[in-house]
Amino acid sequence: MELRRLMKRGRVSLLIGIAFLSSCLLVKAYLLPDTGGPAMEVLRESLAIAGWVAMWEPMQIYLYGWWPLRRRGRLFANLGRMPVEVVVAK
């Protein structure tokens, strides 16, 4: 269940990240002129970097975030299959 929640959060984060990245790249490409001096170049590159930083969370979830949950799920599945013997102490 926790893995499903994480994947759902990943999908939502991915949609938000792609929308923001697309917006940043569109603004950079169409609204900010190529010729504008160093300040304009810094602004253009800052937009690109900000867009890619917005993709950090979904990439972290899909590349690394699910491993510990999957590992814990396997551990619990193995524990659930273990034979248990109850011994009453006298």
N, C-alpha and C. Protein backbone atom coordinates (compact mmCIF):
# COMPACT_ATOMS: atom_id res chain seq x y z
N MET A 1 0.83 -1.19 0.00
CA MET A 1 0.00 0.00 0.00
C MET A 1 0.88 1.25 0.00
N GLU A 2 1.95 1.20 0.79
CA GLU A 2 2.86 2.35 0.84
C GLU A 2 3.55 2.57 -0.51
N LEU A 3 3.88 1.47 -1.19
CA LEU A 3 4.49 1.58 -2.52
C LEU A 3 3.52 2.19 -3.51
N ARG A 4 2.25 1.81 -3.43
CA ARG A 4 1.24 2.41 -4.32
C ARG A 4 1.12 3.91 -4.09
N ARG A 5 1.13 4.31 -2.81
CA ARG A 5 1.06 5.74 -2.49
C ARG A 5 2.27 6.49 -3.03
N LEU A 6 3.45 5.87 -2.90
CA LEU A 6 4.66 6.50 -3.40
C LEU A 6 4.60 6.67 -4.92
N MET A 7 4.14 5.64 -5.62
CA MET A 7 4.04 5.71 -7.08
C MET A 7 3.01 6.75 -7.51
N LYS A 8 1.93 6.88 -6.76
CA LYS A 8 0.93 7.91 -7.07
C LYS A 8 1.53 9.30 -6.89
N ARG A 9 2.27 9.46 -5.77
CA ARG A 9 2.95 10.74 -5.55
C ARG A 9 3.96 11.01 -6.66
N GLY A 10 4.62 9.96 -7.12
CA GLY A 10 5.57 10.10 -8.22
C GLY A 10 4.90 10.54 -9.50
N ARG A 11 3.72 9.98 -9.79
CA ARG A 11 2.99 10.38 -11.01
C ARG A 11 2.56 11.84 -10.94
N VAL A 12 2.03 12.23 -9.79
CA VAL A 12 1.60 13.63 -9.63
C VAL A 12 2.81 14.56 -9.73
N SER A 13 3.89 14.20 -9.06
CA SER A 13 5.11 15.02 -9.13
C SER A 13 5.66 15.09 -10.54
N LEU A 14 5.57 13.98 -11.26
CA LEU A 14 6.05 13.95 -12.64
C LEU A 14 5.24 14.87 -13.52
N LEU A 15 3.92 14.85 -13.38
CA LEU A 15 3.07 15.74 -14.18
C LEU A 15 3.36 17.21 -13.86
N ILE A 16 3.49 17.53 -12.59
CA ILE A 16 3.80 18.90 -12.20
C ILE A 16 5.18 19.29 -12.71
N GLY A 17 6.15 18.41 -12.56
CA GLY A 17 7.51 18.69 -13.01
C GLY A 17 7.60 18.90 -14.51
N ILE A 18 6.92 18.04 -15.27
CA ILE A 18 6.94 18.18 -16.74
C ILE A 18 6.27 19.48 -17.15
N ALA A 19 5.15 19.81 -16.51
CA ALA A 19 4.47 21.07 -16.84
C ALA A 19 5.36 22.27 -16.54
N PHE A 20 6.01 22.26 -15.38
CA PHE A 20 6.87 23.38 -15.01
C PHE A 20 8.10 23.45 -15.91
N LEU A 21 8.72 22.31 -16.17
CA LEU A 21 9.89 22.28 -17.06
C LEU A 21 9.51 22.78 -18.45
N SER A 22 8.39 22.32 -18.97
CA SER A 22 7.94 22.78 -20.29
C SER A 22 7.71 24.28 -20.30
N SER A 23 7.08 24.79 -19.25
CA SER A 23 6.83 26.23 -19.17
C SER A 23 8.14 27.01 -19.15
N CYS A 24 9.09 26.55 -18.34
CA CYS A 24 10.38 27.24 -18.26
C CYS A 24 11.10 27.23 -19.60
N LEU A 25 11.09 26.09 -20.26
CA LEU A 25 11.79 26.00 -21.55
C LEU A 25 11.09 26.81 -22.64
N LEU A 26 9.75 26.85 -22.59
CA LEU A 26 9.01 27.68 -23.56
C LEU A 26 9.28 29.16 -23.34
N VAL A 27 9.28 29.59 -22.08
CA VAL A 27 9.59 31.00 -21.79
C VAL A 27 11.00 31.32 -22.24
N LYS A 28 11.93 30.43 -21.96
CA LYS A 28 13.32 30.64 -22.36
C LYS A 28 13.45 30.74 -23.88
N ALA A 29 12.75 29.87 -24.59
CA ALA A 29 12.89 29.82 -26.04
C ALA A 29 12.17 30.94 -26.76
N TYR A 30 10.98 31.32 -26.27
CA TYR A 30 10.15 32.24 -27.06
C TYR A 30 9.98 33.63 -26.47
N LEU A 31 10.17 33.81 -25.17
CA LEU A 31 9.91 35.12 -24.58
C LEU A 31 11.17 35.89 -24.19
N LEU A 32 12.27 35.18 -24.02
CA LEU A 32 13.51 35.87 -23.65
C LEU A 32 14.44 35.90 -24.86
N PRO A 33 14.85 37.08 -25.27
CA PRO A 33 15.69 37.18 -26.47
C PRO A 33 17.09 36.60 -26.25
N ASP A 34 17.66 36.08 -27.34
CA ASP A 34 19.02 35.55 -27.29
C ASP A 34 20.04 36.66 -27.09
N THR A 35 19.74 37.83 -27.63
CA THR A 35 20.65 38.96 -27.49
C THR A 35 20.11 39.87 -26.41
N GLY A 36 20.79 39.89 -25.31
CA GLY A 36 20.33 40.73 -24.22
C GLY A 36 21.41 40.94 -23.19
N GLY A 37 22.57 40.45 -23.48
CA GLY A 37 23.67 40.65 -22.56
C GLY A 37 23.77 39.54 -21.53
N PRO A 38 24.73 39.70 -20.65
CA PRO A 38 24.99 38.67 -19.65
C PRO A 38 23.83 38.46 -18.67
N ALA A 39 23.15 39.51 -18.29
CA ALA A 39 22.03 39.38 -17.35
C ALA A 39 20.92 38.54 -17.95
N MET A 40 20.63 38.75 -19.22
CA MET A 40 19.59 37.98 -19.90
C MET A 40 20.01 36.52 -20.04
N GLU A 41 21.29 36.29 -20.29
CA GLU A 41 21.79 34.92 -20.40
C GLU A 41 21.67 34.19 -19.05
N VAL A 42 21.97 34.89 -17.96
CA VAL A 42 21.83 34.30 -16.63
C VAL A 42 20.36 33.96 -16.37
N LEU A 43 19.46 34.84 -16.74
CA LEU A 43 18.03 34.58 -16.55
C LEU A 43 17.57 33.39 -17.39
N ARG A 44 18.04 33.31 -18.62
CA ARG A 44 17.67 32.19 -19.50
C ARG A 44 18.16 30.86 -18.91
N GLU A 45 19.40 30.82 -18.49
CA GLU A 45 19.95 29.58 -17.93
C GLU A 45 19.32 29.25 -16.59
N SER A 46 18.97 30.26 -15.81
CA SER A 46 18.30 30.03 -14.52
C SER A 46 16.94 29.38 -14.73
N LEU A 47 16.23 29.79 -15.76
CA LEU A 47 14.94 29.17 -16.07
C LEU A 47 15.12 27.70 -16.42
N ALA A 48 16.12 27.39 -17.22
CA ALA A 48 16.36 25.99 -17.59
C ALA A 48 16.72 25.16 -16.35
N ILE A 49 17.57 25.70 -15.51
CA ILE A 49 17.98 24.98 -14.30
C ILE A 49 16.79 24.78 -13.36
N ALA A 50 15.99 25.82 -13.18
CA ALA A 50 14.81 25.71 -12.31
C ALA A 50 13.84 24.65 -12.82
N GLY A 51 13.67 24.58 -14.13
CA GLY A 51 12.80 23.55 -14.70
C GLY A 51 13.30 22.16 -14.42
N TRP A 52 14.59 21.95 -14.57
CA TRP A 52 15.15 20.62 -14.32
C TRP A 52 15.16 20.29 -12.83
N VAL A 53 15.33 21.28 -11.98
CA VAL A 53 15.27 21.04 -10.54
C VAL A 53 13.86 20.58 -10.15
N ALA A 54 12.85 21.08 -10.84
CA ALA A 54 11.47 20.66 -10.57
C ALA A 54 11.27 19.18 -10.87
N MET A 55 12.13 18.61 -11.68
CA MET A 55 12.04 17.18 -12.01
C MET A 55 12.77 16.31 -10.99
N TRP A 56 13.40 16.92 -10.00
CA TRP A 56 14.21 16.18 -9.03
C TRP A 56 13.38 15.14 -8.28
N GLU A 57 12.25 15.56 -7.72
CA GLU A 57 11.44 14.66 -6.90
C GLU A 57 10.92 13.45 -7.68
N PRO A 58 10.30 13.64 -8.86
CA PRO A 58 9.84 12.44 -9.58
C PRO A 58 10.99 11.52 -9.98
N MET A 59 12.13 12.09 -10.35
CA MET A 59 13.26 11.24 -10.71
C MET A 59 13.78 10.49 -9.50
N GLN A 60 13.79 11.13 -8.34
CA GLN A 60 14.25 10.47 -7.13
C GLN A 60 13.30 9.32 -6.77
N ILE A 61 12.01 9.54 -6.91
CA ILE A 61 11.03 8.51 -6.59
C ILE A 61 11.17 7.31 -7.53
N TYR A 62 11.21 7.58 -8.83
CA TYR A 62 11.23 6.49 -9.80
C TYR A 62 12.59 5.80 -9.92
N LEU A 63 13.66 6.48 -9.57
CA LEU A 63 14.97 5.84 -9.66
C LEU A 63 15.39 5.17 -8.37
N TYR A 64 15.09 5.79 -7.22
CA TYR A 64 15.62 5.29 -5.96
C TYR A 64 14.60 5.09 -4.86
N GLY A 65 13.53 5.84 -4.85
CA GLY A 65 12.61 5.86 -3.72
C GLY A 65 11.86 4.57 -3.46
N TRP A 66 11.62 3.79 -4.48
CA TRP A 66 10.81 2.59 -4.31
C TRP A 66 11.61 1.38 -3.84
N TRP A 67 12.92 1.38 -3.96
CA TRP A 67 13.73 0.21 -3.56
C TRP A 67 13.54 -0.19 -2.11
N PRO A 68 13.65 0.74 -1.16
CA PRO A 68 13.50 0.32 0.25
C PRO A 68 12.11 -0.25 0.54
N LEU A 69 11.08 0.30 -0.09
CA LEU A 69 9.73 -0.21 0.14
C LEU A 69 9.57 -1.61 -0.43
N ARG A 70 10.13 -1.82 -1.59
CA ARG A 70 10.07 -3.15 -2.21
C ARG A 70 10.84 -4.18 -1.37
N ARG A 71 12.00 -3.77 -0.88
CA ARG A 71 12.81 -4.65 -0.03
C ARG A 71 12.05 -5.01 1.25
N ARG A 72 11.42 -4.02 1.87
CA ARG A 72 10.66 -4.27 3.10
C ARG A 72 9.47 -5.17 2.82
N GLY A 73 8.82 -4.98 1.66
CA GLY A 73 7.71 -5.85 1.30
C GLY A 73 8.14 -7.29 1.13
N ARG A 74 9.29 -7.51 0.52
CA ARG A 74 9.82 -8.87 0.38
C ARG A 74 10.15 -9.48 1.75
N LEU A 75 10.71 -8.66 2.62
CA LEU A 75 11.02 -9.15 3.97
C LEU A 75 9.76 -9.58 4.68
N PHE A 76 8.71 -8.76 4.63
CA PHE A 76 7.46 -9.11 5.29
C PHE A 76 6.83 -10.35 4.66
N ALA A 77 6.93 -10.50 3.35
CA ALA A 77 6.40 -11.69 2.68
C ALA A 77 7.15 -12.93 3.15
N ASN A 78 8.46 -12.83 3.27
CA ASN A 78 9.24 -13.97 3.76
C ASN A 78 8.90 -14.30 5.20
N LEU A 79 8.75 -13.27 6.02
CA LEU A 79 8.37 -13.50 7.42
C LEU A 79 6.99 -14.14 7.51
N GLY A 80 6.09 -13.78 6.62
CA GLY A 80 4.74 -14.34 6.62
C GLY A 80 4.73 -15.82 6.25
N ARG A 81 5.72 -16.28 5.51
CA ARG A 81 5.78 -17.68 5.10
C ARG A 81 6.57 -18.56 6.06
N MET A 82 7.19 -17.96 7.04
CA MET A 82 8.00 -18.74 7.99
C MET A 82 7.10 -19.57 8.90
N PRO A 83 7.52 -20.81 9.16
CA PRO A 83 6.74 -21.61 10.11
C PRO A 83 6.95 -21.09 11.54
N VAL A 84 5.87 -21.07 12.29
CA VAL A 84 5.92 -20.57 13.66
C VAL A 84 5.45 -21.67 14.59
N GLU A 85 6.18 -21.87 15.64
CA GLU A 85 5.81 -22.87 16.63
C GLU A 85 5.66 -22.16 17.97
N VAL A 86 4.53 -22.32 18.60
CA VAL A 86 4.27 -21.70 19.89
C VAL A 86 4.56 -22.74 20.97
N VAL A 87 5.46 -22.41 21.88
CA VAL A 87 5.84 -23.31 22.97
C VAL A 87 5.43 -22.64 24.28
N VAL A 88 4.68 -23.34 25.08
CA VAL A 88 4.24 -22.81 26.37
C VAL A 88 5.24 -23.25 27.43
N ALA A 89 5.82 -22.31 28.12
CA ALA A 89 6.78 -22.61 29.18
C ALA A 89 6.04 -23.06 30.43
N LYS A 90 6.54 -24.09 31.09
CA LYS A 90 5.87 -24.59 32.30
C LYS A 90 6.55 -24.12 33.54
